[in-house]
Protein backbone atom coordinates (compact mmCIF):
# COMPACT_ATOMS: atom_id res chain seq x y z
CA MET A 1 -21.32 23.45 12.45
CA ASP A 2 -22.90 20.54 14.15
CA LYS A 3 -20.01 17.76 15.34
CA LYS A 4 -22.75 15.59 15.78
CA ILE A 5 -24.27 15.83 12.11
CA LEU A 6 -20.49 16.26 10.65
CA ARG A 7 -19.48 12.95 12.61
CA ASP A 8 -21.60 11.03 11.48
CA ARG A 9 -21.53 12.09 8.11
CA LEU A 10 -18.28 11.50 7.79
CA GLN A 11 -18.60 7.69 9.26
CA VAL A 12 -21.48 6.67 6.33
CA CYS A 13 -18.87 8.49 3.84
CA PHE A 14 -16.01 6.59 5.25
CA CYS A 15 -18.16 2.91 5.27
CA ARG A 16 -19.36 3.93 1.37
CA ALA A 17 -15.66 4.53 -0.10
CA GLU A 18 -14.43 2.04 1.96
CA LYS A 19 -16.71 -0.73 -0.01
CA SER A 20 -16.03 0.55 -3.08
CA ALA A 21 -14.01 -0.97 -5.76
CA LEU A 22 -11.60 1.54 -6.23
CA SER A 23 -10.82 1.62 -2.01
CA VAL A 24 -10.42 -2.15 -2.94
CA ALA A 25 -8.09 -1.90 -5.66
CA VAL A 26 -5.86 0.63 -3.43
CA ARG A 27 -6.04 -1.65 -0.19
CA LYS A 28 -4.52 -4.06 -2.36
CA PHE A 29 -1.42 -2.00 -2.86
CA ALA A 30 -1.18 -0.75 0.65
CA GLU A 31 -1.51 -4.21 2.34
CA GLY A 32 -0.37 -7.65 1.05
CA GLU A 33 1.28 -9.18 -1.59
CA LEU A 34 1.33 -6.17 -3.85
CA ALA A 35 2.16 -3.99 -1.66
CA VAL A 36 5.52 -6.24 -0.95
CA LEU A 37 5.93 -6.23 -4.65
CA GLN A 38 5.62 -2.47 -5.02
CA TYR A 39 8.36 -1.73 -1.63
CA ILE A 40 10.82 -4.68 -3.77
CA ALA A 41 10.15 -2.84 -7.33
CA GLU A 42 10.76 0.68 -5.87
CA ALA A 43 13.82 -0.28 -3.43
CA GLY A 44 15.42 -0.74 -6.78
CA GLU A 45 17.65 -3.13 -5.19
CA ALA A 46 17.81 -6.59 -3.26
CA VAL A 47 16.04 -6.64 0.22
CA ASN A 48 15.76 -8.36 2.90
CA PRO A 49 12.60 -9.94 4.72
CA SER A 50 13.26 -7.47 8.09
CA GLN A 51 13.57 -3.94 5.91
CA ILE A 52 10.13 -5.55 4.66
CA SER A 53 8.92 -6.23 7.71
CA ASP A 54 9.79 -2.88 9.18
CA TYR A 55 8.86 -0.72 6.50
CA MET A 56 5.17 -1.98 6.37
CA ALA A 57 4.97 -2.18 9.99
CA LEU A 58 4.16 -6.35 8.90
CA SER A 59 5.40 -9.54 11.42
CA ARG A 60 8.18 -11.78 10.22
CA SER A 61 5.72 -14.19 10.37
CA ARG A 62 3.24 -12.43 7.97
CA VAL A 63 6.90 -11.19 5.63
CA ALA A 64 7.66 -14.44 5.09
CA SER A 65 4.45 -16.10 4.27
CA ILE A 66 3.85 -13.12 1.62
CA LEU A 67 7.46 -13.76 0.40
CA SER A 68 6.45 -17.69 -0.19
CA SER A 69 3.36 -16.93 -1.89
CA LEU A 70 5.23 -14.77 -4.31
CA ARG A 71 8.73 -17.03 -4.73
CA GLN A 72 6.28 -19.56 -5.62
CA LYS A 73 4.63 -17.64 -8.17
CA ASN A 74 7.42 -16.47 -9.15
CA TYR A 75 7.41 -12.99 -8.53
CA VAL A 76 10.87 -12.75 -6.02
CA ASP A 77 13.74 -14.50 -6.35
CA MET A 78 15.80 -15.30 -2.92
CA GLU A 79 19.18 -16.24 -1.91
CA ILE A 80 20.45 -16.40 1.27
CA ASP A 81 23.16 -14.10 1.67
CA SER A 82 26.87 -15.33 0.71
CA ALA A 83 28.71 -13.47 3.39
CA ASP A 84 25.70 -14.41 7.11
CA ARG A 85 24.26 -17.03 5.90
CA ARG A 86 21.41 -15.88 8.60
CA LYS A 87 20.14 -13.39 6.11
CA MET A 88 18.56 -13.37 2.79
CA SER A 89 18.31 -11.07 0.15
CA VAL A 90 14.91 -10.46 -2.02
CA SER A 91 14.42 -8.99 -5.41
CA ILE A 92 11.66 -9.16 -7.88
CA THR A 93 11.68 -11.01 -10.80
CA ALA A 94 11.19 -10.33 -14.85
CA GLU A 95 7.61 -12.37 -14.02
CA GLY A 96 6.88 -10.59 -10.98
CA LYS A 97 7.89 -6.64 -12.49
CA LYS A 98 5.29 -7.53 -15.35
CA PHE A 99 2.75 -8.18 -12.63
CA PHE A 100 3.00 -5.35 -11.09
CA LYS A 101 2.74 -3.23 -13.99
CA ALA A 102 0.04 -4.95 -14.91
CA ARG A 103 -1.53 -3.86 -11.65
CA ARG A 104 -0.12 -0.74 -10.68
CA ASN A 105 -1.57 0.32 -14.61
CA GLU A 106 -5.75 -1.78 -13.43
CA LEU A 107 -5.56 0.92 -10.46
CA SER A 108 -4.66 3.88 -12.20
CA LYS A 109 -7.41 3.40 -14.57
CA GLN A 110 -10.11 2.88 -12.19
CA ILE A 111 -8.10 6.25 -10.63
CA ASP A 112 -8.25 8.12 -13.91
CA ARG A 113 -11.64 7.19 -14.02
CA PHE A 114 -12.31 8.77 -10.28
CA ILE A 115 -10.84 12.13 -11.06
CA ASP A 116 -12.95 12.07 -14.17
CA ALA A 117 -15.56 11.94 -12.25
CA LEU A 118 -15.29 15.17 -10.78
CA SER A 119 -14.56 17.92 -12.24
CA ALA A 120 -10.90 19.48 -12.40
CA GLU A 121 -11.88 21.92 -9.39
CA ASN A 122 -13.85 19.53 -7.44
CA ALA A 123 -10.71 16.95 -7.92
CA GLU A 124 -8.11 18.88 -7.21
CA LEU A 125 -10.07 19.89 -3.81
CA PHE A 126 -10.53 16.53 -2.71
CA VAL A 127 -6.45 15.46 -2.91
CA GLY A 128 -6.00 18.66 -1.51
CA CYS A 129 -8.68 17.94 1.23
CA LEU A 130 -7.22 14.08 2.10
CA GLU A 131 -3.39 15.29 1.93
CA GLN A 132 -4.13 17.67 4.81
CA ALA A 133 -6.17 14.17 6.51
CA VAL A 134 -3.78 12.08 5.69
CA ARG A 135 -1.43 14.65 7.82
CA ALA A 136 -3.94 14.67 10.59
CA PHE A 137 -4.71 11.06 10.70
CA GLU A 138 -0.52 10.56 11.12
CA GLU A 139 -0.04 13.15 13.91
CA LEU A 140 -2.87 11.78 15.75
CA GLN A 141 -1.29 8.08 15.25
CA THR A 142 2.02 9.47 16.69
CA GLU A 143 0.31 11.55 19.41
CA GLU A 144 -1.39 8.24 20.64
CA LYS A 145 1.84 5.98 20.24
CA LYS A 146 3.42 8.62 22.53
CA SER A 147 0.97 8.47 25.70
């Protein structure tokens, strides 16, 4: 195995994949408004902005901006905590759930088309390799934070 050739091939693949419609759709679920909606929806209860910020590794101001936009679209409700007026609780509205579910269904259809484009065997192999790659990325990131 020539590491340089492999590295160059991997870089080209990452760059090409990054531009795909599927990658763009997945990215929307990993960052921004859809990611925040997903976090709130999956929490199953009201959350506060600092929980969102900590979980998503976003600045407090970025979370405030996203929540403001979601509130204007009537996708979230925000209420000041009656016990501690410095705290805010955020919950997803019925309209927000509907919007999120529709976007999730669109993403699921794109992922299904991708899986269908591969053989069942290749899809299993790809997912296994991708899971291993994600674990390696996470380990490298942990090591980098330590040093």
